[in-house]
Amino acid sequence: MTIICVDTTELFQAPGLDRAGWPELLAWCRREAVTVVLSEVVLREADRHYREKALEELQGLRRSVQRFEHLEQGRQLDLEPLAAELTTSISKHLEGRRKTLLEHGVVILPIPTVPHGKLLDRDLAHGKPFQESGKGYRDALTWEALLGFLADEPPQNVFLVSGDADFAARADKETLDAQLADEVRALGHRAELVKSLPVAVERLRSDVFAKLNLRETFREDEEEEDEEDEDEEPTLVELVTEAVVSAVEALSGEPIAEESEDGRATGPGVALSGVVPRGLSEATIGDVNVDEGSVVVDVYDVYEGDTFATHADIDAELDIEGFADKSDVYGMDDVTILDDDWNEHMMWLSVPRQARLSFYVTVVGGSVEEIRFDVGQAV
């Protein structure tokens, strides 16, 4: 069995545990196909981050309201009741998140009782996960918590899932630091750094599906072709395909989330990695051309015989619309100018992009009960 230790970045990406690999991971953990561990340090840090982001948005709303205080209606706006409700809702959400993790069998590692001298020695020796500046106290606690857990476990493969370089080798950000790897090896395990939860899920998919006796992939063209029968019930792939095609078409007009340097969505909108051309701002999805034959469906869990939890990928050509500085447009490929004089400095334009879009689809009793967009990647 593989042990998956999840760092804070993965909770930042999916605070509701409803996307970015979390649905599969929790289902597999519940069925004891993998062991998932989170340190108490990571959970508290993620909770703080969630509260701060929510209150930051509220503060922005307060500033917006203040602009209208000169109006009679503006003076009547009172956000304090909303602030109180938001604070209560945040607490309930975070309590619910912890409960969900525990109910699915996730192990929450307690804060380790490691001597301060040991942490100081690691810091002064510039040992990872400390940075050369000395930053890294919380990461060091997380690492010591993991080592304490591994000390009592039989030899296994360990995936440390982290989207930053805190645990990585200084010369190679994709590889676990050699000293950290040696510390795990001394306990009888083999550890490696994995950059994101979706990557970890993809790496584990085949082994887990074999262990749980689930069929790994379904494609429209792989289904047995019987004589057509108008009264025949639609297959699972047909149900999911129809739902996914409709969901992709409904993305037209939706704003696209801004993207960090490592390809992660950093704000509201549709999460599309590597799709928006550099220099394009206020990007939205224009026309959509779906390749229905490209749908691939993974059934990652089955409940009570007729409920299928699936993850589906589909390819589509998206027209990405947005604004660009006039001087930047000439360096872009395949540009369609929608307005060459939007204002003195900007053009409104459209650029076609190929993307692979992912969805979570739940099928119950022969019908689609829920569909959620996960993420999109340039192809």
Protein backbone atom coordinates (compact mmCIF):
# COMPACT_ATOMS: atom_id res chain seq x y z
CA MET A 1 0.00 0.00 0.00
CA THR A 2 1.15 3.54 -0.75
CA ILE A 3 1.23 6.25 1.90
CA ILE A 4 0.30 9.70 0.63
CA CYS A 5 1.32 12.66 2.78
CA VAL A 6 -0.45 15.80 1.60
CA ASP A 7 1.04 19.27 2.09
CA THR A 8 -0.82 22.54 2.58
CA THR A 9 -0.79 23.57 -1.09
CA GLU A 10 -3.26 20.82 -2.01
CA LEU A 11 -5.80 22.05 0.54
CA PHE A 12 -5.38 25.58 -0.83
CA GLN A 13 -6.36 24.28 -4.28
CA ALA A 14 -9.50 22.46 -3.15
CA PRO A 15 -10.76 23.81 0.18
CA GLY A 16 -14.00 21.85 -0.28
CA LEU A 17 -12.19 18.55 -1.06
CA ASP A 18 -14.37 18.34 -4.16
CA ARG A 19 -11.83 18.62 -6.99
CA ALA A 20 -8.14 18.39 -7.94
CA GLY A 21 -7.79 14.69 -7.07
CA TRP A 22 -9.44 14.81 -3.64
CA PRO A 23 -12.62 12.85 -4.56
CA GLU A 24 -10.57 9.90 -5.84
CA LEU A 25 -8.11 10.05 -2.97
CA LEU A 26 -10.82 10.08 -0.30
CA ALA A 27 -12.72 7.24 -1.98
CA TRP A 28 -9.59 5.09 -2.18
CA CYS A 29 -8.65 5.91 1.38
CA ARG A 30 -12.14 4.95 2.60
CA ARG A 31 -11.76 1.61 0.83
CA GLU A 32 -8.27 1.15 2.30
CA ALA A 33 -6.54 1.04 -1.07
CA VAL A 34 -4.16 3.83 0.03
CA THR A 35 -3.17 5.46 3.31
CA VAL A 36 -3.59 9.23 3.42
CA VAL A 37 -1.95 11.33 6.12
CA LEU A 38 -2.19 15.03 6.93
CA SER A 39 -0.33 16.68 9.74
CA GLU A 40 -2.21 18.78 12.27
CA VAL A 41 0.22 21.56 11.33
CA VAL A 42 -0.89 21.41 7.67
CA LEU A 43 -4.57 21.37 8.58
CA ARG A 44 -4.28 24.37 10.89
CA GLU A 45 -2.23 26.30 8.33
CA ALA A 46 -4.82 25.59 5.62
CA ASP A 47 -7.61 26.63 7.99
CA ARG A 48 -5.85 29.94 8.68
CA HIS A 49 -5.30 30.54 4.97
CA TYR A 50 -9.00 29.90 4.23
CA ARG A 51 -10.12 32.32 6.98
CA GLU A 52 -7.70 35.02 5.83
CA LYS A 53 -8.76 34.78 2.19
CA ALA A 54 -12.46 34.96 3.10
CA LEU A 55 -11.97 37.95 5.39
CA GLU A 56 -9.78 39.61 2.75
CA GLU A 57 -12.67 39.35 0.29
CA LEU A 58 -15.03 40.79 2.90
CA GLN A 59 -12.66 43.71 3.48
CA GLY A 60 -12.67 44.37 -0.25
CA LEU A 61 -16.46 44.45 -0.16
CA ARG A 62 -16.35 46.94 2.72
CA ARG A 63 -14.09 49.22 0.67
CA SER A 64 -16.49 49.02 -2.26
CA VAL A 65 -19.47 49.96 -0.07
CA GLN A 66 -17.59 52.95 1.35
CA ARG A 67 -17.47 54.44 -2.14
CA PHE A 68 -21.26 54.88 -1.98
CA GLU A 69 -21.52 56.40 1.50
CA HIS A 70 -22.40 59.76 -0.05
CA LEU A 71 -25.67 58.20 -1.25
CA GLU A 72 -28.61 57.72 1.10
CA GLN A 73 -28.88 54.02 0.25
CA GLY A 74 -25.13 53.65 0.63
CA ARG A 75 -25.26 54.96 4.19
CA GLN A 76 -27.87 52.31 5.01
CA LEU A 77 -25.68 49.38 3.95
CA ASP A 78 -24.47 47.43 6.98
CA LEU A 79 -22.07 44.55 6.35
CA GLU A 80 -21.57 43.60 9.98
CA PRO A 81 -24.40 41.00 10.02
CA LEU A 82 -22.86 39.49 6.89
CA ALA A 83 -19.44 39.45 8.56
CA ALA A 84 -20.86 37.62 11.57
CA GLU A 85 -22.62 35.07 9.35
CA LEU A 86 -19.48 34.59 7.30
CA THR A 87 -17.36 33.95 10.39
CA THR A 88 -19.86 31.34 11.60
CA SER A 89 -20.04 29.71 8.15
CA ILE A 90 -16.25 29.52 7.89
CA SER A 91 -16.02 27.77 11.25
CA LYS A 92 -18.71 25.27 10.26
CA HIS A 93 -17.00 24.62 6.93
CA LEU A 94 -13.61 23.97 8.51
CA GLU A 95 -15.13 21.70 11.17
CA GLY A 96 -16.95 19.83 8.41
CA ARG A 97 -13.77 19.48 6.38
CA ARG A 98 -11.93 17.89 9.30
CA LYS A 99 -14.89 15.56 9.90
CA THR A 100 -14.95 14.54 6.22
CA LEU A 101 -11.25 13.70 6.28
CA LEU A 102 -11.63 11.56 9.40
CA GLU A 103 -14.76 9.80 8.11
CA HIS A 104 -12.85 8.72 5.00
CA GLY A 105 -10.02 7.28 7.08
CA VAL A 106 -7.46 10.05 6.64
CA VAL A 107 -4.88 9.98 9.43
CA ILE A 108 -4.31 13.39 11.02
CA LEU A 109 -0.83 13.33 12.51
CA PRO A 110 -0.51 15.10 15.88
CA ILE A 111 1.98 17.92 16.38
CA PRO A 112 5.26 16.11 17.13
CA THR A 113 7.03 16.48 20.47
CA VAL A 114 10.39 16.93 18.78
CA PRO A 115 13.12 18.62 20.88
CA HIS A 116 13.77 22.23 19.91
CA GLY A 117 17.47 21.42 19.77
CA LYS A 118 16.88 18.93 16.97
CA LEU A 119 14.99 21.51 14.90
CA LEU A 120 17.66 24.10 15.61
CA ASP A 121 20.41 21.75 14.47
CA ARG A 122 18.55 21.06 11.21
CA ASP A 123 17.99 24.79 10.66
CA LEU A 124 21.59 25.82 11.36
CA ALA A 125 22.85 23.08 9.04
CA HIS A 126 20.57 24.50 6.29
CA GLY A 127 18.84 21.13 6.24
CA LYS A 128 15.58 20.83 4.37
CA PRO A 129 12.76 21.60 4.77
CA PHE A 130 14.33 24.75 6.26
CA GLN A 131 15.28 27.39 3.74
CA GLU A 132 18.67 29.07 3.89
CA SER A 133 16.94 32.09 5.43
CA GLY A 134 15.77 29.92 8.33
CA LYS A 135 12.14 29.87 7.25
CA GLY A 136 10.46 26.47 7.43
CA TYR A 137 9.44 25.81 11.04
CA ARG A 138 5.96 24.51 10.16
CA ASP A 139 7.34 22.36 7.34
CA ALA A 140 9.90 20.90 9.74
CA LEU A 141 7.14 19.98 12.19
CA THR A 142 5.19 18.33 9.38
CA TRP A 143 8.27 16.34 8.37
CA GLU A 144 8.95 15.17 11.94
CA ALA A 145 5.28 14.16 12.28
CA LEU A 146 5.59 12.07 9.12
CA LEU A 147 8.77 10.39 10.33
CA GLY A 148 7.08 9.54 13.61
CA PHE A 149 4.20 7.91 11.74
CA LEU A 150 6.47 5.97 9.37
CA ALA A 151 8.50 4.57 12.27
CA ASP A 152 5.55 2.34 13.20
CA GLU A 153 4.55 1.33 9.66
CA PRO A 154 5.76 -1.64 7.56
CA PRO A 155 7.93 -0.76 4.52
CA GLN A 156 5.90 1.11 1.90
CA ASN A 157 6.19 3.67 -0.88
CA VAL A 158 5.59 7.23 0.31
CA PHE A 159 4.35 10.06 -1.89
CA LEU A 160 4.97 13.50 -0.39
CA VAL A 161 2.57 15.72 -2.32
CA SER A 162 3.64 19.34 -2.28
CA GLY A 163 3.25 22.09 -4.85
CA ASP A 164 6.17 24.14 -3.62
CA ALA A 165 9.91 23.54 -3.27
CA ASP A 166 10.09 23.32 0.53
CA PHE A 167 10.91 19.61 0.52
CA ALA A 168 12.72 19.56 -2.82
CA ALA A 169 16.42 19.33 -3.56
CA ARG A 170 17.93 22.78 -3.99
CA ALA A 171 19.32 21.87 -7.43
CA ASP A 172 16.24 19.99 -8.66
CA LYS A 173 12.81 21.23 -7.64
CA GLU A 174 11.15 18.04 -8.92
CA THR A 175 13.08 15.68 -6.62
CA LEU A 176 12.86 15.07 -2.89
CA ASP A 177 15.89 16.39 -1.01
CA ALA A 178 18.48 13.61 -0.64
CA GLN A 179 18.83 13.97 3.12
CA LEU A 180 15.05 13.76 3.60
CA ALA A 181 14.92 10.69 1.33
CA ASP A 182 17.68 9.06 3.40
CA GLU A 183 15.78 9.71 6.63
CA VAL A 184 12.75 7.89 5.23
CA ARG A 185 14.92 5.09 3.83
CA ALA A 186 16.43 4.56 7.30
CA LEU A 187 12.91 3.70 8.50
CA GLY A 188 12.51 1.08 5.75
CA HIS A 189 10.44 3.11 3.30
CA ARG A 190 10.99 4.71 -0.09
CA ALA A 191 9.83 8.31 -0.52
CA GLU A 192 9.47 10.60 -3.51
CA LEU A 193 8.18 14.11 -4.10
CA VAL A 194 5.04 14.50 -6.23
CA LYS A 195 4.17 18.01 -7.37
CA SER A 196 0.36 17.81 -7.13
CA LEU A 197 -2.49 15.59 -6.02
CA PRO A 198 -3.81 15.03 -9.57
CA VAL A 199 -0.35 13.76 -10.56
CA ALA A 200 -0.31 11.40 -7.56
CA VAL A 201 -3.79 10.11 -8.40
CA GLU A 202 -2.78 9.45 -12.00
CA ARG A 203 0.33 7.60 -10.84
CA LEU A 204 -1.72 5.38 -8.52
CA ARG A 205 -4.76 4.85 -10.73
CA SER A 206 -3.86 1.52 -12.35
CA ASP A 207 -2.70 -0.16 -9.13
CA VAL A 208 -5.69 1.05 -7.14
CA PHE A 209 -8.19 0.06 -9.81
CA ALA A 210 -6.70 -3.44 -9.92
CA LYS A 211 -6.83 -3.68 -6.13
CA LEU A 212 -10.47 -2.54 -5.98
CA ASN A 213 -11.46 -4.55 -9.06
CA LEU A 214 -12.67 -1.46 -10.89
CA ARG A 215 -12.42 -1.08 -14.63
CA GLU A 216 -9.83 1.59 -15.27
CA THR A 217 -11.03 3.34 -18.42
CA PHE A 218 -14.12 3.39 -20.58
CA ARG A 219 -14.22 4.74 -24.10
CA GLU A 220 -17.15 5.12 -26.43
CA ASP A 221 -15.40 3.12 -29.16
CA GLU A 222 -14.52 0.24 -26.80
CA GLU A 223 -18.12 -0.58 -25.88
CA GLU A 224 -19.64 -3.69 -27.41
CA GLU A 225 -21.68 -2.76 -30.42
CA ASP A 226 -24.93 -4.70 -30.33
CA GLU A 227 -27.76 -4.24 -32.76
CA GLU A 228 -29.34 -0.87 -32.21
CA ASP A 229 -32.36 -0.93 -29.98
CA GLU A 230 -34.23 2.31 -29.48
CA ASP A 231 -35.54 1.09 -26.13
CA GLU A 232 -32.12 0.06 -24.82
CA GLU A 233 -30.94 1.92 -21.74
CA PRO A 234 -27.98 4.27 -22.35
CA THR A 235 -24.60 2.97 -21.24
CA LEU A 236 -22.56 4.59 -18.52
CA VAL A 237 -20.24 6.17 -21.07
CA GLU A 238 -23.18 7.53 -23.05
CA LEU A 239 -24.68 9.09 -19.92
CA VAL A 240 -21.40 10.67 -18.87
CA THR A 241 -20.55 11.81 -22.40
CA GLU A 242 -23.85 13.58 -22.85
CA ALA A 243 -23.51 15.32 -19.48
CA VAL A 244 -19.90 16.35 -20.09
CA VAL A 245 -20.57 17.69 -23.60
CA SER A 246 -23.41 19.83 -22.24
CA ALA A 247 -21.21 21.06 -19.38
CA VAL A 248 -18.39 22.04 -21.76
CA GLU A 249 -20.78 23.93 -24.03
CA ALA A 250 -22.13 25.75 -20.97
CA LEU A 251 -18.63 27.12 -20.27
CA SER A 252 -19.01 29.59 -23.13
CA GLY A 253 -19.00 33.09 -21.69
CA GLU A 254 -17.41 32.07 -18.39
CA PRO A 255 -14.41 34.00 -17.04
CA ILE A 256 -11.07 32.18 -16.75
CA ALA A 257 -9.22 32.16 -13.43
CA GLU A 258 -5.86 33.90 -13.25
CA GLU A 259 -2.90 31.53 -13.18
CA SER A 260 0.19 31.44 -10.99
CA GLU A 261 3.68 30.73 -12.35
CA ASP A 262 3.33 27.03 -11.47
CA GLY A 263 0.05 26.72 -13.40
CA ARG A 264 -2.40 26.83 -10.49
CA ALA A 265 -5.62 28.84 -10.47
CA THR A 266 -5.33 31.83 -8.13
CA GLY A 267 -8.81 33.32 -8.19
CA PRO A 268 -12.43 32.89 -9.26
CA GLY A 269 -13.30 31.54 -12.69
CA VAL A 270 -12.70 28.41 -14.75
CA ALA A 271 -9.33 26.82 -13.91
CA LEU A 272 -7.44 26.38 -17.21
CA SER A 273 -3.71 25.71 -16.98
CA GLY A 274 -1.48 26.85 -19.83
CA VAL A 275 -4.40 27.87 -22.03
CA VAL A 276 -4.48 31.67 -21.82
CA PRO A 277 -1.78 33.33 -23.99
CA ARG A 278 0.75 35.48 -22.15
CA GLY A 279 -0.29 39.13 -22.28
CA LEU A 280 -4.04 38.44 -22.49
CA SER A 281 -6.09 39.89 -19.63
CA GLU A 282 -9.70 39.51 -18.45
CA ALA A 283 -9.85 36.24 -20.38
CA THR A 284 -13.16 34.51 -20.99
CA ILE A 285 -14.23 31.42 -22.91
CA GLY A 286 -15.85 32.22 -26.24
CA ASP A 287 -17.04 29.61 -28.74
CA VAL A 288 -16.53 25.95 -27.85
CA ASN A 289 -16.02 23.03 -30.26
CA VAL A 290 -16.26 19.68 -28.45
CA ASP A 291 -14.67 16.41 -29.62
CA GLU A 292 -17.27 13.93 -28.35
CA GLY A 293 -15.18 10.94 -29.43
CA SER A 294 -12.35 11.94 -27.09
CA VAL A 295 -14.25 11.23 -23.85
CA VAL A 296 -12.48 8.90 -21.41
CA VAL A 297 -14.32 7.85 -18.24
CA ASP A 298 -12.70 6.50 -15.08
CA VAL A 299 -15.01 4.90 -12.51
CA TYR A 300 -13.06 5.52 -9.32
CA ASP A 301 -15.72 4.26 -6.89
CA VAL A 302 -19.01 2.35 -6.79
CA TYR A 303 -21.67 2.67 -4.09
CA GLU A 304 -24.52 0.23 -3.43
CA GLY A 305 -24.35 -1.31 -6.87
CA ASP A 306 -25.99 1.42 -8.97
CA THR A 307 -24.09 4.59 -7.97
CA PHE A 308 -20.93 5.28 -9.96
CA ALA A 309 -18.44 8.01 -9.05
CA THR A 310 -16.57 8.88 -12.24
CA HIS A 311 -13.90 11.24 -13.52
CA ALA A 312 -14.17 12.14 -17.20
CA ASP A 313 -11.78 13.86 -19.62
CA ILE A 314 -12.83 15.44 -22.90
CA ASP A 315 -10.94 17.42 -25.55
CA ALA A 316 -12.27 20.67 -26.93
CA GLU A 317 -11.18 23.68 -28.95
CA LEU A 318 -11.85 26.86 -27.01
CA ASP A 319 -11.84 30.39 -28.35
CA ILE A 320 -10.12 32.39 -25.61
CA GLU A 321 -11.29 36.00 -25.67
CA GLY A 322 -9.66 38.87 -23.83
CA PHE A 323 -7.79 42.14 -24.00
CA ALA A 324 -4.16 42.75 -24.95
CA ASP A 325 -1.95 45.75 -25.33
CA LYS A 326 -1.78 46.72 -28.98
CA SER A 327 1.99 46.36 -28.98
CA ASP A 328 1.72 42.74 -27.72
CA VAL A 329 -0.80 41.48 -30.24
CA TYR A 330 1.68 41.13 -33.08
CA GLY A 331 3.65 38.54 -31.12
CA MET A 332 0.62 36.24 -30.74
CA ASP A 333 -0.29 33.40 -33.10
CA ASP A 334 -3.70 32.68 -34.70
CA VAL A 335 -5.23 35.90 -33.42
CA THR A 336 -8.70 37.03 -34.48
CA ILE A 337 -9.19 40.75 -33.82
CA LEU A 338 -12.66 41.41 -32.43
CA ASP A 339 -12.08 45.14 -31.87
CA ASP A 340 -8.78 46.73 -32.90
CA ASP A 341 -9.50 49.95 -31.02
CA TRP A 342 -11.15 48.96 -27.76
CA ASN A 343 -9.44 51.98 -26.24
CA GLU A 344 -6.26 53.94 -26.78
CA HIS A 345 -4.01 51.09 -25.67
CA MET A 346 -5.98 47.83 -25.87
CA MET A 347 -7.44 45.46 -28.45
CA TRP A 348 -10.18 42.90 -27.89
CA LEU A 349 -9.24 39.61 -29.53
CA SER A 350 -9.79 35.87 -29.67
CA VAL A 351 -7.22 33.04 -29.80
CA PRO A 352 -8.08 29.33 -30.41
CA ARG A 353 -6.65 26.83 -27.94
CA GLN A 354 -6.87 23.05 -27.59
CA ALA A 355 -7.64 21.91 -24.07
CA ARG A 356 -8.40 18.73 -22.16
CA LEU A 357 -11.19 19.39 -19.68
CA SER A 358 -11.90 17.22 -16.65
CA PHE A 359 -15.15 16.69 -14.75
CA TYR A 360 -16.44 14.69 -11.81
CA VAL A 361 -19.71 12.98 -12.70
CA THR A 362 -21.93 10.95 -10.37
CA VAL A 363 -24.36 8.52 -12.01
CA VAL A 364 -27.18 7.04 -9.91
CA GLY A 365 -29.63 4.45 -11.16
CA GLY A 366 -29.09 5.20 -14.83
CA SER A 367 -29.12 9.00 -14.67
CA VAL A 368 -26.59 11.73 -13.98
CA GLU A 369 -27.11 13.14 -10.49
CA GLU A 370 -24.20 15.59 -10.32
CA ILE A 371 -21.47 17.01 -12.54
CA ARG A 372 -18.65 19.33 -11.42
CA PHE A 373 -15.87 20.92 -13.43
CA ASP A 374 -12.43 19.97 -12.16
CA VAL A 375 -9.66 21.54 -14.24
CA GLY A 376 -8.50 22.14 -17.80
CA GLN A 377 -5.05 21.66 -19.33
CA ALA A 378 -3.60 22.84 -22.62
CA VAL A 379 -2.91 20.00 -25.09
